[in-house]
């Protein structure tokens, strides 16, 4: 019996759900792209994310990175 591996997109979606961040069609598209990271690689994943309009430039302070990501996720669904 093979053990199913948790995919990155699914992990991000579960975390967002715990944080009560809404899930919109754009979030779903990113989830699907992130789920393919092991298959297509990091560069292709980043290219695909940029193609659908997602960009993230981390702040200089690493401790703020998670807060910035959550804010970006919340803003996505406020459109």
N, C-alpha and C. Protein backbone atom coordinates (compact mmCIF):
# COMPACT_ATOMS: atom_id res chain seq x y z
N UNK A 1 0.85 -1.18 0.00
CA UNK A 1 0.00 0.00 0.00
C UNK A 1 0.89 1.24 0.00
N UNK A 2 0.71 2.14 -0.96
CA UNK A 2 1.54 3.34 -1.06
C UNK A 2 0.91 4.47 -0.25
N UNK A 3 1.79 5.24 0.33
CA UNK A 3 1.34 6.37 1.14
C UNK A 3 1.23 7.60 0.25
N UNK A 4 0.09 8.27 0.29
CA UNK A 4 -0.11 9.45 -0.56
C UNK A 4 0.66 10.62 0.03
N UNK A 5 1.39 11.34 -0.83
CA UNK A 5 2.21 12.45 -0.40
C UNK A 5 1.39 13.75 -0.42
N UNK A 6 1.55 14.56 0.63
CA UNK A 6 0.88 15.85 0.68
C UNK A 6 1.56 16.78 -0.31
N UNK A 7 0.78 17.42 -1.14
CA UNK A 7 1.31 18.32 -2.15
C UNK A 7 1.35 19.74 -1.61
N UNK A 8 2.28 20.55 -2.13
CA UNK A 8 2.48 21.90 -1.63
C UNK A 8 1.22 22.75 -1.74
N UNK A 9 0.55 22.71 -2.87
CA UNK A 9 -0.67 23.51 -3.04
C UNK A 9 -1.75 23.14 -2.05
N UNK A 10 -1.88 21.84 -1.79
CA UNK A 10 -2.87 21.37 -0.82
C UNK A 10 -2.50 21.83 0.59
N UNK A 11 -1.20 21.80 0.90
CA UNK A 11 -0.74 22.24 2.23
C UNK A 11 -1.02 23.72 2.43
N UNK A 12 -0.76 24.53 1.41
CA UNK A 12 -1.03 25.97 1.50
C UNK A 12 -2.53 26.21 1.65
N UNK A 13 -3.34 25.48 0.91
CA UNK A 13 -4.80 25.64 1.00
C UNK A 13 -5.31 25.26 2.39
N UNK A 14 -4.75 24.19 2.97
CA UNK A 14 -5.17 23.79 4.31
C UNK A 14 -4.78 24.83 5.35
N UNK A 15 -3.57 25.38 5.21
CA UNK A 15 -3.12 26.42 6.12
C UNK A 15 -4.02 27.65 6.00
N UNK A 16 -4.34 28.03 4.77
CA UNK A 16 -5.22 29.18 4.55
C UNK A 16 -6.59 28.95 5.19
N UNK A 17 -7.09 27.73 5.09
CA UNK A 17 -8.39 27.41 5.69
C UNK A 17 -8.33 27.55 7.21
N UNK A 18 -7.25 27.07 7.82
CA UNK A 18 -7.08 27.20 9.27
C UNK A 18 -7.01 28.66 9.67
N UNK A 19 -6.35 29.48 8.83
CA UNK A 19 -6.24 30.91 9.11
C UNK A 19 -7.48 31.69 8.70
N UNK A 20 -8.47 30.97 8.17
CA UNK A 20 -9.75 31.55 7.73
C UNK A 20 -9.58 32.56 6.60
N UNK A 21 -8.65 32.24 5.71
CA UNK A 21 -8.45 33.06 4.51
C UNK A 21 -9.38 32.47 3.44
N UNK A 22 -10.23 33.30 2.81
CA UNK A 22 -11.16 32.77 1.80
C UNK A 22 -10.42 32.15 0.61
N UNK A 23 -11.09 31.28 -0.10
CA UNK A 23 -10.51 30.56 -1.23
C UNK A 23 -11.29 30.93 -2.49
N UNK A 24 -10.65 31.66 -3.39
CA UNK A 24 -11.30 32.12 -4.62
C UNK A 24 -10.80 31.31 -5.82
N UNK A 25 -11.34 31.53 -7.01
CA UNK A 25 -10.87 30.79 -8.19
C UNK A 25 -9.37 30.98 -8.47
N UNK A 26 -8.83 32.19 -8.19
CA UNK A 26 -7.40 32.42 -8.39
C UNK A 26 -6.58 31.59 -7.41
N UNK A 27 -7.07 31.47 -6.18
CA UNK A 27 -6.39 30.63 -5.18
C UNK A 27 -6.38 29.17 -5.64
N UNK A 28 -7.48 28.72 -6.19
CA UNK A 28 -7.57 27.34 -6.68
C UNK A 28 -6.58 27.11 -7.81
N UNK A 29 -6.45 28.08 -8.70
CA UNK A 29 -5.51 27.96 -9.81
C UNK A 29 -4.08 27.86 -9.28
N UNK A 30 -3.73 28.67 -8.29
CA UNK A 30 -2.40 28.60 -7.69
C UNK A 30 -2.19 27.27 -6.97
N UNK A 31 -3.23 26.76 -6.31
CA UNK A 31 -3.13 25.47 -5.62
C UNK A 31 -2.74 24.37 -6.60
N UNK A 32 -3.40 24.37 -7.75
CA UNK A 32 -3.13 23.35 -8.76
C UNK A 32 -1.70 23.48 -9.31
N UNK A 33 -1.25 24.72 -9.51
CA UNK A 33 0.11 24.94 -10.02
C UNK A 33 1.13 24.46 -8.99
N UNK A 34 0.93 24.82 -7.72
CA UNK A 34 1.86 24.42 -6.67
C UNK A 34 1.90 22.90 -6.48
N UNK A 35 0.78 22.24 -6.73
CA UNK A 35 0.75 20.79 -6.61
C UNK A 35 1.64 20.09 -7.63
N UNK A 36 2.00 20.77 -8.70
CA UNK A 36 2.82 20.19 -9.76
C UNK A 36 4.31 20.47 -9.59
N UNK A 37 4.72 21.11 -8.49
CA UNK A 37 6.10 21.54 -8.34
C UNK A 37 7.11 20.39 -8.42
N UNK A 38 6.78 19.24 -7.86
CA UNK A 38 7.70 18.10 -7.92
C UNK A 38 7.84 17.56 -9.34
N UNK A 39 6.80 17.68 -10.11
CA UNK A 39 6.81 17.16 -11.47
C UNK A 39 7.53 18.10 -12.44
N UNK A 40 7.29 19.41 -12.32
CA UNK A 40 7.81 20.36 -13.31
C UNK A 40 9.01 21.18 -12.83
N UNK A 41 9.27 21.20 -11.53
CA UNK A 41 10.40 21.94 -10.99
C UNK A 41 10.04 23.34 -10.53
N UNK A 42 10.97 23.93 -9.78
CA UNK A 42 10.73 25.24 -9.19
C UNK A 42 10.65 26.34 -10.24
N UNK A 43 11.57 26.35 -11.18
CA UNK A 43 11.57 27.41 -12.21
C UNK A 43 10.27 27.43 -13.01
N UNK A 44 9.83 26.27 -13.44
CA UNK A 44 8.59 26.20 -14.22
C UNK A 44 7.40 26.59 -13.36
N UNK A 45 7.41 26.21 -12.10
CA UNK A 45 6.33 26.57 -11.19
C UNK A 45 6.25 28.09 -11.04
N UNK A 46 7.40 28.72 -10.83
CA UNK A 46 7.44 30.18 -10.70
C UNK A 46 6.96 30.84 -11.99
N UNK A 47 7.39 30.31 -13.13
CA UNK A 47 6.95 30.84 -14.42
C UNK A 47 5.43 30.75 -14.55
N UNK A 48 4.87 29.61 -14.17
CA UNK A 48 3.41 29.42 -14.25
C UNK A 48 2.66 30.35 -13.30
N UNK A 49 3.20 30.53 -12.09
CA UNK A 49 2.57 31.45 -11.14
C UNK A 49 2.58 32.87 -11.66
N UNK A 50 3.70 33.28 -12.25
CA UNK A 50 3.77 34.63 -12.82
C UNK A 50 2.80 34.78 -13.98
N UNK A 51 2.63 33.72 -14.76
CA UNK A 51 1.74 33.77 -15.92
C UNK A 51 0.29 34.01 -15.51
N UNK A 52 -0.08 33.54 -14.32
CA UNK A 52 -1.45 33.76 -13.84
C UNK A 52 -1.56 35.01 -12.98
N UNK A 53 -0.46 35.77 -12.89
CA UNK A 53 -0.53 37.06 -12.22
C UNK A 53 -0.13 37.07 -10.77
N UNK A 54 0.47 36.01 -10.26
CA UNK A 54 0.89 35.99 -8.86
C UNK A 54 2.36 36.33 -8.78
N UNK A 55 2.68 37.34 -7.99
CA UNK A 55 4.08 37.68 -7.75
C UNK A 55 4.25 37.99 -6.28
N UNK A 56 5.39 37.66 -5.76
CA UNK A 56 5.68 37.91 -4.35
C UNK A 56 7.13 38.31 -4.23
N UNK A 57 7.37 39.45 -3.66
CA UNK A 57 8.74 39.87 -3.41
C UNK A 57 8.91 39.97 -1.90
N UNK A 58 9.70 39.07 -1.32
CA UNK A 58 9.83 39.03 0.13
C UNK A 58 10.44 40.33 0.68
N UNK A 59 10.02 40.68 1.89
CA UNK A 59 10.56 41.86 2.54
C UNK A 59 11.96 41.55 3.07
N UNK A 60 12.68 42.57 3.44
CA UNK A 60 14.03 42.37 3.93
C UNK A 60 14.03 41.66 5.28
N UNK A 61 12.97 41.78 6.05
CA UNK A 61 12.90 41.12 7.35
C UNK A 61 12.22 39.77 7.21
N UNK A 62 12.97 38.70 7.46
CA UNK A 62 12.44 37.34 7.30
C UNK A 62 11.24 37.06 8.21
N UNK A 63 11.23 37.63 9.40
CA UNK A 63 10.13 37.36 10.33
C UNK A 63 8.80 37.91 9.82
N UNK A 64 8.83 38.86 8.92
CA UNK A 64 7.60 39.42 8.36
C UNK A 64 7.12 38.65 7.14
N UNK A 65 7.91 37.72 6.64
CA UNK A 65 7.57 37.02 5.40
C UNK A 65 6.23 36.30 5.50
N UNK A 66 5.98 35.58 6.58
CA UNK A 66 4.72 34.84 6.72
C UNK A 66 3.55 35.81 6.79
N UNK A 67 3.70 36.89 7.53
CA UNK A 67 2.64 37.89 7.62
C UNK A 67 2.34 38.49 6.25
N UNK A 68 3.39 38.76 5.48
CA UNK A 68 3.21 39.32 4.14
C UNK A 68 2.48 38.35 3.22
N UNK A 69 2.80 37.07 3.32
CA UNK A 69 2.16 36.05 2.48
C UNK A 69 0.67 35.95 2.83
N UNK A 70 0.35 35.92 4.12
CA UNK A 70 -1.05 35.83 4.55
C UNK A 70 -1.81 37.07 4.07
N UNK A 71 -1.21 38.26 4.19
CA UNK A 71 -1.85 39.48 3.72
C UNK A 71 -2.12 39.40 2.22
N UNK A 72 -1.15 38.90 1.46
CA UNK A 72 -1.29 38.77 0.00
C UNK A 72 -2.45 37.82 -0.32
N UNK A 73 -2.56 36.70 0.45
CA UNK A 73 -3.64 35.74 0.23
C UNK A 73 -4.99 36.38 0.53
N UNK A 74 -5.07 37.16 1.60
CA UNK A 74 -6.33 37.82 1.95
C UNK A 74 -6.73 38.84 0.89
N UNK A 75 -5.76 39.60 0.40
CA UNK A 75 -6.04 40.60 -0.62
C UNK A 75 -6.51 39.98 -1.92
N UNK A 76 -6.04 38.78 -2.23
CA UNK A 76 -6.42 38.09 -3.46
C UNK A 76 -7.94 37.92 -3.52
N UNK A 77 -8.51 37.52 -2.43
CA UNK A 77 -9.94 37.20 -2.41
C UNK A 77 -10.83 38.42 -2.14
N UNK A 78 -10.22 39.57 -1.89
CA UNK A 78 -11.00 40.80 -1.65
C UNK A 78 -11.38 41.50 -2.94
N UNK A 79 -10.86 41.02 -4.07
CA UNK A 79 -11.12 41.68 -5.36
C UNK A 79 -12.59 41.65 -5.72
